[in-house]
Every structure is written in C-alpha cells, then in structure tokens.
C-alpha cells in the first residue's frame, strides 16, 4: 500500500467513525419525540416536511431541534465517539 492509499484508508476510517457517532447520537436523546425529529433530520427531511409529518408548527419544531442540538452537544459520550477518545478506533 503506497502513501496515497494509506492516507485514503485513514480518511475512510475517520469518516466511518463519524458516521457511527452521528447514527448512534439518537440513542442519547431522552424523549421519543426528539429521537423522531433526529431520525427525520438524518433522513434528509426539511423543516416543513418534519413539521407536517409530526403535525406540529415549524416554530415548535425549531424548539425541538434546539433541544436535540443541546442534548447531543452536552453529551460527553457522543463527543468521545466523534473524536475517538477512550475507544479503539
């Protein structure tokens, strides 16, 4: 394996680690509605589509999205997964 392939392989491992961290972040949310919102965001739905899907206003959805961001941002396990701390990568 030459240097270019090694760099590509390391980059691929980093991307895989980030994907696993992002996909598992939904498990750290405490309310079911937040997990649903997070899954909808990951599936690529727009704010309006999510609001229609959940039958809530866009303003209410924005509050839920802010709560998702704050819970994930304050979770140290997610941060460790994302940055490969204390885990075998």
PDB file of N, CA and C in Angstrom:
ATOM      1  N   UNK A   1       0.854  -1.175   0.000  1.00  0.00           N
ATOM      2  CA  UNK A   1       0.000   0.000   0.000  1.00  0.00           C
ATOM      3  C   UNK A   1       0.898   1.236   0.000  1.00  0.00           C
ATOM      4  N   UNK A   2       0.711   2.108  -0.972  1.00  0.00           N
ATOM      5  CA  UNK A   2       1.544   3.303  -1.030  1.00  0.00           C
ATOM      6  C   UNK A   2       0.987   4.403  -0.114  1.00  0.00           C
ATOM      7  N   UNK A   3       1.682   5.521  -0.065  1.00  0.00           N
ATOM      8  CA  UNK A   3       1.336   6.608   0.852  1.00  0.00           C
ATOM      9  C   UNK A   3      -0.054   7.161   0.548  1.00  0.00           C
ATOM     10  N   UNK A   4      -0.378   7.322  -0.731  1.00  0.00           N
ATOM     11  CA  UNK A   4      -1.677   7.862  -1.115  1.00  0.00           C
ATOM     12  C   UNK A   4      -2.798   6.946  -0.642  1.00  0.00           C
ATOM     13  N   UNK A   5      -2.636   5.648  -0.831  1.00  0.00           N
ATOM     14  CA  UNK A   5      -3.653   4.697  -0.390  1.00  0.00           C
ATOM     15  C   UNK A   5      -3.779   4.671   1.127  1.00  0.00           C
ATOM     16  N   UNK A   6      -2.670   4.829   1.829  1.00  0.00           N
ATOM     17  CA  UNK A   6      -2.708   4.871   3.295  1.00  0.00           C
ATOM     18  C   UNK A   6      -3.492   6.087   3.778  1.00  0.00           C
ATOM     19  N   UNK A   7      -3.263   7.237   3.150  1.00  0.00           N
ATOM     20  CA  UNK A   7      -3.993   8.445   3.521  1.00  0.00           C
ATOM     21  C   UNK A   7      -5.486   8.280   3.241  1.00  0.00           C
ATOM     22  N   UNK A   8      -5.807   7.682   2.110  1.00  0.00           N
ATOM     23  CA  UNK A   8      -7.211   7.453   1.774  1.00  0.00           C
ATOM     24  C   UNK A   8      -7.855   6.497   2.773  1.00  0.00           C
ATOM     25  N   UNK A   9      -7.118   5.465   3.167  1.00  0.00           N
ATOM     26  CA  UNK A   9      -7.629   4.500   4.127  1.00  0.00           C
ATOM     27  C   UNK A   9      -7.860   5.158   5.483  1.00  0.00           C
ATOM     28  N   UNK A  10      -6.943   5.989   5.924  1.00  0.00           N
ATOM     29  CA  UNK A  10      -7.104   6.697   7.202  1.00  0.00           C
ATOM     30  C   UNK A  10      -8.289   7.661   7.147  1.00  0.00           C
ATOM     31  N   UNK A  11      -8.457   8.336   6.022  1.00  0.00           N
ATOM     32  CA  UNK A  11      -9.589   9.239   5.849  1.00  0.00           C
ATOM     33  C   UNK A  11     -10.901   8.457   5.888  1.00  0.00           C
ATOM     34  N   UNK A  12     -10.928   7.300   5.234  1.00  0.00           N
ATOM     35  CA  UNK A  12     -12.120   6.448   5.237  1.00  0.00           C
ATOM     36  C   UNK A  12     -12.455   5.978   6.649  1.00  0.00           C
ATOM     37  N   UNK A  13     -11.445   5.587   7.427  1.00  0.00           N
ATOM     38  CA  UNK A  13     -11.682   5.171   8.811  1.00  0.00           C
ATOM     39  C   UNK A  13     -12.271   6.321   9.628  1.00  0.00           C
ATOM     40  N   UNK A  14     -11.774   7.529   9.397  1.00  0.00           N
ATOM     41  CA  UNK A  14     -12.304   8.701  10.090  1.00  0.00           C
ATOM     42  C   UNK A  14     -13.760   8.963   9.738  1.00  0.00           C
ATOM     43  N   UNK A  15     -14.089   8.832   8.458  1.00  0.00           N
ATOM     44  CA  UNK A  15     -15.474   9.025   8.021  1.00  0.00           C
ATOM     45  C   UNK A  15     -16.387   7.970   8.632  1.00  0.00           C
ATOM     46  N   UNK A  16     -15.948   6.722   8.655  1.00  0.00           N
ATOM     47  CA  UNK A  16     -16.756   5.655   9.241  1.00  0.00           C
ATOM     48  C   UNK A  16     -17.004   5.918  10.720  1.00  0.00           C
ATOM     49  N   UNK A  17     -15.983   6.371  11.437  1.00  0.00           N
ATOM     50  CA  UNK A  17     -16.108   6.675  12.857  1.00  0.00           C
ATOM     51  C   UNK A  17     -17.135   7.779  13.071  1.00  0.00           C
ATOM     52  N   UNK A  18     -17.089   8.806  12.224  1.00  0.00           N
ATOM     53  CA  UNK A  18     -18.039   9.912  12.351  1.00  0.00           C
ATOM     54  C   UNK A  18     -19.461   9.472  12.041  1.00  0.00           C
ATOM     55  N   UNK A  19     -19.626   8.616  11.045  1.00  0.00           N
ATOM     56  CA  UNK A  19     -20.960   8.116  10.691  1.00  0.00           C
ATOM     57  C   UNK A  19     -21.542   7.310  11.852  1.00  0.00           C
ATOM     58  N   UNK A  20     -20.731   6.442  12.456  1.00  0.00           N
ATOM     59  CA  UNK A  20     -21.203   5.648  13.596  1.00  0.00           C
ATOM     60  C   UNK A  20     -21.596   6.563  14.750  1.00  0.00           C
ATOM     61  N   UNK A  21     -20.790   7.587  15.010  1.00  0.00           N
ATOM     62  CA  UNK A  21     -21.089   8.520  16.105  1.00  0.00           C
ATOM     63  C   UNK A  21     -22.388   9.267  15.839  1.00  0.00           C
ATOM     64  N   UNK A  22     -22.566   9.746  14.617  1.00  0.00           N
ATOM     65  CA  UNK A  22     -23.770  10.507  14.280  1.00  0.00           C
ATOM     66  C   UNK A  22     -25.010   9.621  14.326  1.00  0.00           C
ATOM     67  N   UNK A  23     -24.900   8.392  13.822  1.00  0.00           N
ATOM     68  CA  UNK A  23     -26.052   7.490  13.843  1.00  0.00           C
ATOM     69  C   UNK A  23     -26.409   7.064  15.262  1.00  0.00           C
ATOM     70  N   UNK A  24     -25.423   6.919  16.130  1.00  0.00           N
ATOM     71  CA  UNK A  24     -25.707   6.476  17.499  1.00  0.00           C
ATOM     72  C   UNK A  24     -26.114   7.634  18.410  1.00  0.00           C
ATOM     73  N   UNK A  25     -25.988   8.862  17.960  1.00  0.00           N
ATOM     74  CA  UNK A  25     -26.332  10.014  18.794  1.00  0.00           C
ATOM     75  C   UNK A  25     -27.803  10.025  19.172  1.00  0.00           C
ATOM     76  N   UNK A  26     -28.644   9.470  18.342  1.00  0.00           N
ATOM     77  CA  UNK A  26     -30.074   9.410  18.653  1.00  0.00           C
ATOM     78  C   UNK A  26     -30.373   8.600  19.896  1.00  0.00           C
ATOM     79  N   UNK A  27     -29.502   7.658  20.230  1.00  0.00           N
ATOM     80  CA  UNK A  27     -29.700   6.840  21.424  1.00  0.00           C
ATOM     81  C   UNK A  27     -29.513   7.642  22.703  1.00  0.00           C
ATOM     82  N   UNK A  28     -28.837   8.773  22.625  1.00  0.00           N
ATOM     83  CA  UNK A  28     -28.561   9.580  23.808  1.00  0.00           C
ATOM     84  C   UNK A  28     -29.674  10.576  24.123  1.00  0.00           C
ATOM     85  N   UNK A  29     -30.676  10.658  23.265  1.00  0.00           N
ATOM     86  CA  UNK A  29     -31.778  11.593  23.489  1.00  0.00           C
ATOM     87  C   UNK A  29     -32.771  10.983  24.471  1.00  0.00           C
ATOM     88  N   UNK A  30     -33.344  11.811  25.338  1.00  0.00           N
ATOM     89  CA  UNK A  30     -34.183  11.276  26.411  1.00  0.00           C
ATOM     90  C   UNK A  30     -35.667  11.174  26.065  1.00  0.00           C
ATOM     91  N   UNK A  31     -36.160  11.905  25.097  1.00  0.00           N
ATOM     92  CA  UNK A  31     -37.585  11.861  24.743  1.00  0.00           C
ATOM     93  C   UNK A  31     -37.761  11.221  23.367  1.00  0.00           C
ATOM     94  N   UNK A  32     -38.842  10.490  23.236  1.00  0.00           N
ATOM     95  CA  UNK A  32     -39.109   9.802  21.970  1.00  0.00           C
ATOM     96  C   UNK A  32     -39.315  10.794  20.822  1.00  0.00           C
ATOM     97  N   UNK A  33     -39.964  11.912  21.089  1.00  0.00           N
ATOM     98  CA  UNK A  33     -40.212  12.916  20.044  1.00  0.00           C
ATOM     99  C   UNK A  33     -38.893  13.471  19.512  1.00  0.00           C
ATOM    100  N   UNK A  34     -37.909  13.615  20.385  1.00  0.00           N
ATOM    101  CA  UNK A  34     -36.600  14.110  19.949  1.00  0.00           C
ATOM    102  C   UNK A  34     -35.899  13.087  19.070  1.00  0.00           C
ATOM    103  N   UNK A  35     -36.077  11.810  19.405  1.00  0.00           N
ATOM    104  CA  UNK A  35     -35.484  10.751  18.575  1.00  0.00           C
ATOM    105  C   UNK A  35     -36.117  10.745  17.185  1.00  0.00           C
ATOM    106  N   UNK A  36     -37.422  10.972  17.134  1.00  0.00           N
ATOM    107  CA  UNK A  36     -38.116  11.016  15.845  1.00  0.00           C
ATOM    108  C   UNK A  36     -37.625  12.199  15.019  1.00  0.00           C
ATOM    109  N   UNK A  37     -37.510  13.358  15.659  1.00  0.00           N
ATOM    110  CA  UNK A  37     -37.018  14.552  14.960  1.00  0.00           C
ATOM    111  C   UNK A  37     -35.609  14.303  14.431  1.00  0.00           C
ATOM    112  N   UNK A  38     -34.755  13.715  15.258  1.00  0.00           N
ATOM    113  CA  UNK A  38     -33.369  13.452  14.847  1.00  0.00           C
ATOM    114  C   UNK A  38     -33.326  12.481  13.674  1.00  0.00           C
ATOM    115  N   UNK A  39     -34.138  11.418  13.715  1.00  0.00           N
ATOM    116  CA  UNK A  39     -34.191  10.467  12.600  1.00  0.00           C
ATOM    117  C   UNK A  39     -34.667  11.135  11.317  1.00  0.00           C
ATOM    118  N   UNK A  40     -35.643  12.026  11.443  1.00  0.00           N
ATOM    119  CA  UNK A  40     -36.136  12.752  10.270  1.00  0.00           C
ATOM    120  C   UNK A  40     -35.053  13.658   9.693  1.00  0.00           C
ATOM    121  N   UNK A  41     -34.303  14.312  10.569  1.00  0.00           N
ATOM    122  CA  UNK A  41     -33.207  15.176  10.114  1.00  0.00           C
ATOM    123  C   UNK A  41     -32.168  14.346   9.368  1.00  0.00           C
ATOM    124  N   UNK A  42     -31.811  13.196   9.936  1.00  0.00           N
ATOM    125  CA  UNK A  42     -30.811  12.337   9.292  1.00  0.00           C
ATOM    126  C   UNK A  42     -31.287  11.777   7.960  1.00  0.00           C
ATOM    127  N   UNK A  43     -32.599  11.596   7.831  1.00  0.00           N
ATOM    128  CA  UNK A  43     -33.108  11.068   6.560  1.00  0.00           C
ATOM    129  C   UNK A  43     -33.229  12.151   5.491  1.00  0.00           C
ATOM    130  N   UNK A  44     -32.951  13.402   5.857  1.00  0.00           N
ATOM    131  CA  UNK A  44     -32.909  14.469   4.865  1.00  0.00           C
ATOM    132  C   UNK A  44     -34.195  15.255   4.703  1.00  0.00           C
ATOM    133  N   UNK A  45     -35.115  15.097   5.629  1.00  0.00           N
ATOM    134  CA  UNK A  45     -36.375  15.831   5.534  1.00  0.00           C
ATOM    135  C   UNK A  45     -36.153  17.301   5.878  1.00  0.00           C
ATOM    136  N   UNK A  46     -36.922  18.170   5.223  1.00  0.00           N
ATOM    137  CA  UNK A  46     -36.843  19.600   5.514  1.00  0.00           C
ATOM    138  C   UNK A  46     -37.636  19.908   6.783  1.00  0.00           C
ATOM    139  N   UNK A  47     -37.446  21.131   7.290  1.00  0.00           N
ATOM    140  CA  UNK A  47     -38.177  21.555   8.489  1.00  0.00           C
ATOM    141  C   UNK A  47     -39.680  21.448   8.272  1.00  0.00           C
ATOM    142  N   UNK A  48     -40.116  21.916   7.147  1.00  0.00           N
ATOM    143  CA  UNK A  48     -41.560  21.898   6.851  1.00  0.00           C
ATOM    144  C   UNK A  48     -42.081  20.468   6.740  1.00  0.00           C
ATOM    145  N   UNK A  49     -41.332  19.591   6.097  1.00  0.00           N
ATOM    146  CA  UNK A  49     -41.750  18.199   5.964  1.00  0.00           C
ATOM    147  C   UNK A  49     -41.841  17.518   7.340  1.00  0.00           C
ATOM    148  N   UNK A  50     -40.861  17.786   8.204  1.00  0.00           N
ATOM    149  CA  UNK A  50     -40.889  17.198   9.548  1.00  0.00           C
ATOM    150  C   UNK A  50     -42.085  17.730  10.325  1.00  0.00           C
ATOM    151  N   UNK A  51     -42.331  19.033  10.236  1.00  0.00           N
ATOM    152  CA  UNK A  51     -43.466  19.633  10.947  1.00  0.00           C
ATOM    153  C   UNK A  51     -44.787  19.026  10.478  1.00  0.00           C
ATOM    154  N   UNK A  52     -44.934  18.837   9.192  1.00  0.00           N
ATOM    155  CA  UNK A  52     -46.149  18.220   8.654  1.00  0.00           C
ATOM    156  C   UNK A  52     -46.252  16.768   9.115  1.00  0.00           C
ATOM    157  N   UNK A  53     -45.137  16.057   9.076  1.00  0.00           N
ATOM    158  CA  UNK A  53     -45.099  14.651   9.493  1.00  0.00           C
ATOM    159  C   UNK A  53     -45.517  14.492  10.956  1.00  0.00           C
ATOM    160  N   UNK A  54     -45.065  15.400  11.806  1.00  0.00           N
ATOM    161  CA  UNK A  54     -45.382  15.318  13.235  1.00  0.00           C
ATOM    162  C   UNK A  54     -46.648  16.076  13.613  1.00  0.00           C
ATOM    163  N   UNK A  55     -47.225  16.780  12.638  1.00  0.00           N
ATOM    164  CA  UNK A  55     -48.431  17.581  12.847  1.00  0.00           C
ATOM    165  C   UNK A  55     -48.225  18.631  13.944  1.00  0.00           C
ATOM    166  N   UNK A  56     -47.104  19.358  13.827  1.00  0.00           N
ATOM    167  CA  UNK A  56     -46.800  20.469  14.733  1.00  0.00           C
ATOM    168  C   UNK A  56     -46.376  21.663  13.893  1.00  0.00           C
ATOM    169  N   UNK A  57     -46.296  22.823  14.532  1.00  0.00           N
ATOM    170  CA  UNK A  57     -45.876  24.018  13.799  1.00  0.00           C
ATOM    171  C   UNK A  57     -44.363  24.009  13.602  1.00  0.00           C
ATOM    172  N   UNK A  58     -43.913  24.790  12.645  1.00  0.00           N
ATOM    173  CA  UNK A  58     -42.479  24.901  12.385  1.00  0.00           C
ATOM    174  C   UNK A  58     -41.773  25.526  13.589  1.00  0.00           C
ATOM    175  N   UNK A  59     -42.432  26.458  14.267  1.00  0.00           N
ATOM    176  CA  UNK A  59     -41.844  27.057  15.466  1.00  0.00           C
ATOM    177  C   UNK A  59     -41.645  26.019  16.564  1.00  0.00           C
ATOM    178  N   UNK A  60     -42.622  25.151  16.755  1.00  0.00           N
ATOM    179  CA  UNK A  60     -42.483  24.081  17.746  1.00  0.00           C
ATOM    180  C   UNK A  60     -41.363  23.130  17.352  1.00  0.00           C
ATOM    181  N   UNK A  61     -41.262  22.858  16.070  1.00  0.00           N
ATOM    182  CA  UNK A  61     -40.193  22.000  15.580  1.00  0.00           C
ATOM    183  C   UNK A  61     -38.831  22.631  15.834  1.00  0.00           C
ATOM    184  N   UNK A  62     -38.724  23.937  15.625  1.00  0.00           N
ATOM    185  CA  UNK A  62     -37.458  24.616  15.866  1.00  0.00           C
ATOM    186  C   UNK A  62     -37.027  24.491  17.325  1.00  0.00           C
ATOM    187  N   UNK A  63     -37.981  24.527  18.235  1.00  0.00           N
ATOM    188  CA  UNK A  63     -37.664  24.347  19.660  1.00  0.00           C
ATOM    189  C   UNK A  63     -37.173  22.926  19.924  1.00  0.00           C
ATOM    190  N   UNK A  64     -37.814  21.952  19.279  1.00  0.00           N
ATOM    191  CA  UNK A  64     -37.384  20.566  19.438  1.00  0.00           C
ATOM    192  C   UNK A  64     -35.990  20.355  18.846  1.00  0.00           C
ATOM    193  N   UNK A  65     -35.735  20.952  17.697  1.00  0.00           N
ATOM    194  CA  UNK A  65     -34.404  20.843  17.082  1.00  0.00           C
ATOM    195  C   UNK A  65     -33.331  21.452  17.966  1.00  0.00           C
ATOM    196  N   UNK A  66     -33.652  22.579  18.593  1.00  0.00           N
ATOM    197  CA  UNK A  66     -32.701  23.213  19.504  1.00  0.00           C
ATOM    198  C   UNK A  66     -32.422  22.311  20.705  1.00  0.00           C
ATOM    199  N   UNK A  67     -33.465  21.628  21.184  1.00  0.00           N
ATOM    200  CA  UNK A  67     -33.276  20.709  22.309  1.00  0.00           C
ATOM    201  C   UNK A  67     -32.428  19.509  21.899  1.00  0.00           C
ATOM    202  N   UNK A  68     -32.635  19.009  20.684  1.00  0.00           N
ATOM    203  CA  UNK A  68     -31.806  17.913  20.173  1.00  0.00           C
ATOM    204  C   UNK A  68     -30.341  18.347  20.136  1.00  0.00           C
ATOM    205  N   UNK A  69     -30.102  19.528  19.594  1.00  0.00           N
ATOM    206  CA  UNK A  69     -28.726  20.030  19.499  1.00  0.00           C
ATOM    207  C   UNK A  69     -28.093  20.194  20.868  1.00  0.00           C
ATOM    208  N   UNK A  70     -28.844  20.704  21.822  1.00  0.00           N
ATOM    209  CA  UNK A  70     -28.273  20.932  23.154  1.00  0.00           C
ATOM    210  C   UNK A  70     -27.995  19.611  23.864  1.00  0.00           C
ATOM    211  N   UNK A  71     -28.888  18.631  23.728  1.00  0.00           N
ATOM    212  CA  UNK A  71     -28.662  17.337  24.378  1.00  0.00           C
ATOM    213  C   UNK A  71     -27.479  16.600  23.768  1.00  0.00           C
ATOM    214  N   UNK A  72     -27.380  16.624  22.455  1.00  0.00           N
ATOM    215  CA  UNK A  72     -26.255  15.948  21.808  1.00  0.00           C
ATOM    216  C   UNK A  72     -24.959  16.690  22.098  1.00  0.00           C
ATOM    217  N   UNK A  73     -25.023  18.009  22.070  1.00  0.00           N
ATOM    218  CA  UNK A  73     -23.819  18.803  22.325  1.00  0.00           C
ATOM    219  C   UNK A  73     -23.296  18.665  23.736  1.00  0.00           C
ATOM    220  N   UNK A  74     -24.175  18.433  24.690  1.00  0.00           N
ATOM    221  CA  UNK A  74     -23.741  18.320  26.081  1.00  0.00           C
ATOM    222  C   UNK A  74     -23.403  16.887  26.471  1.00  0.00           C
ATOM    223  N   UNK A  75     -23.581  15.947  25.569  1.00  0.00           N
ATOM    224  CA  UNK A  75     -23.312  14.546  25.866  1.00  0.00           C
ATOM    225  C   UNK A  75     -21.835  14.240  25.631  1.00  0.00           C
ATOM    226  N   UNK A  76     -21.127  13.863  26.681  1.00  0.00           N
ATOM    227  CA  UNK A  76     -19.691  13.602  26.559  1.00  0.00           C
ATOM    228  C   UNK A  76     -19.410  12.299  25.825  1.00  0.00           C
ATOM    229  N   UNK A  77     -20.315  11.328  25.930  1.00  0.00           N
ATOM    230  CA  UNK A  77     -20.108  10.064  25.231  1.00  0.00           C
ATOM    231  C   UNK A  77     -20.115  10.281  23.724  1.00  0.00           C
ATOM    232  N   UNK A  78     -21.032  11.116  23.241  1.00  0.00           N
ATOM    233  CA  UNK A  78     -21.073  11.424  21.811  1.00  0.00           C
ATOM    234  C   UNK A  78     -19.782  12.101  21.378  1.00  0.00           C
ATOM    235  N   UNK A  79     -19.313  13.034  22.180  1.00  0.00           N
ATOM    236  CA  UNK A  79     -18.070  13.736  21.864  1.00  0.00           C
ATOM    237  C   UNK A  79     -16.894  12.768  21.809  1.00  0.00           C
ATOM    238  N   UNK A  80     -16.852  11.836  22.754  1.00  0.00           N
ATOM    239  CA  UNK A  80     -15.775  10.849  22.757  1.00  0.00           C
ATOM    240  C   UNK A  80     -15.847   9.951  21.531  1.00  0.00           C
ATOM    241  N   UNK A  81     -17.067   9.540  21.159  1.00  0.00           N
ATOM    242  CA  UNK A  81     -17.220   8.721  19.951  1.00  0.00           C
ATOM    243  C   UNK A  81     -16.781   9.489  18.707  1.00  0.00           C
ATOM    244  N   UNK A  82     -17.173  10.749  18.645  1.00  0.00           N
ATOM    245  CA  UNK A  82     -16.879  11.557  17.473  1.00  0.00           C
ATOM    246  C   UNK A  82     -15.379  11.807  17.327  1.00  0.00           C
ATOM    247  N   UNK A  83     -14.712  12.011  18.439  1.00  0.00           N
ATOM    248  CA  UNK A  83     -13.285  12.346  18.400  1.00  0.00           C
ATOM    249  C   UNK A  83     -12.384  11.169  18.735  1.00  0.00           C
ATOM    250  N   UNK A  84     -12.987   9.978  18.854  1.00  0.00           N
ATOM    251  CA  UNK A  84     -12.247   8.742  19.049  1.00  0.00           C
ATOM    252  C   UNK A  84     -11.448   8.726  20.352  1.00  0.00           C
ATOM    253  N   UNK A  85     -11.996   9.316  21.393  1.00  0.00           N
ATOM    254  CA  UNK A  85     -11.320   9.309  22.685  1.00  0.00           C
ATOM    255  C   UNK A  85     -11.829   8.122  23.485  1.00  0.00           C
ATOM    256  N   UNK A  86     -10.943   7.427  24.145  1.00  0.00           N
ATOM    257  CA  UNK A  86     -11.253   6.292  25.017  1.00  0.00           C
ATOM    258  C   UNK A  86     -11.906   5.123  24.270  1.00  0.00           C
ATOM    259  N   UNK A  87     -11.777   5.077  22.965  1.00  0.00           N
ATOM    260  CA  UNK A  87     -12.319   3.974  22.188  1.00  0.00           C
ATOM    261  C   UNK A  87     -11.255   3.482  21.220  1.00  0.00           C
ATOM    262  N   UNK A  88     -11.274   2.220  20.943  1.00  0.00           N
ATOM    263  CA  UNK A  88     -10.342   1.663  19.961  1.00  0.00           C
ATOM    264  C   UNK A  88     -10.856   1.987  18.568  1.00  0.00           C
ATOM    265  N   UNK A  89     -10.113   2.771  17.854  1.00  0.00           N
ATOM    266  CA  UNK A  89     -10.559   3.181  16.518  1.00  0.00           C
ATOM    267  C   UNK A  89      -9.828   2.440  15.434  1.00  0.00           C
TER     268      UNK A  89
END
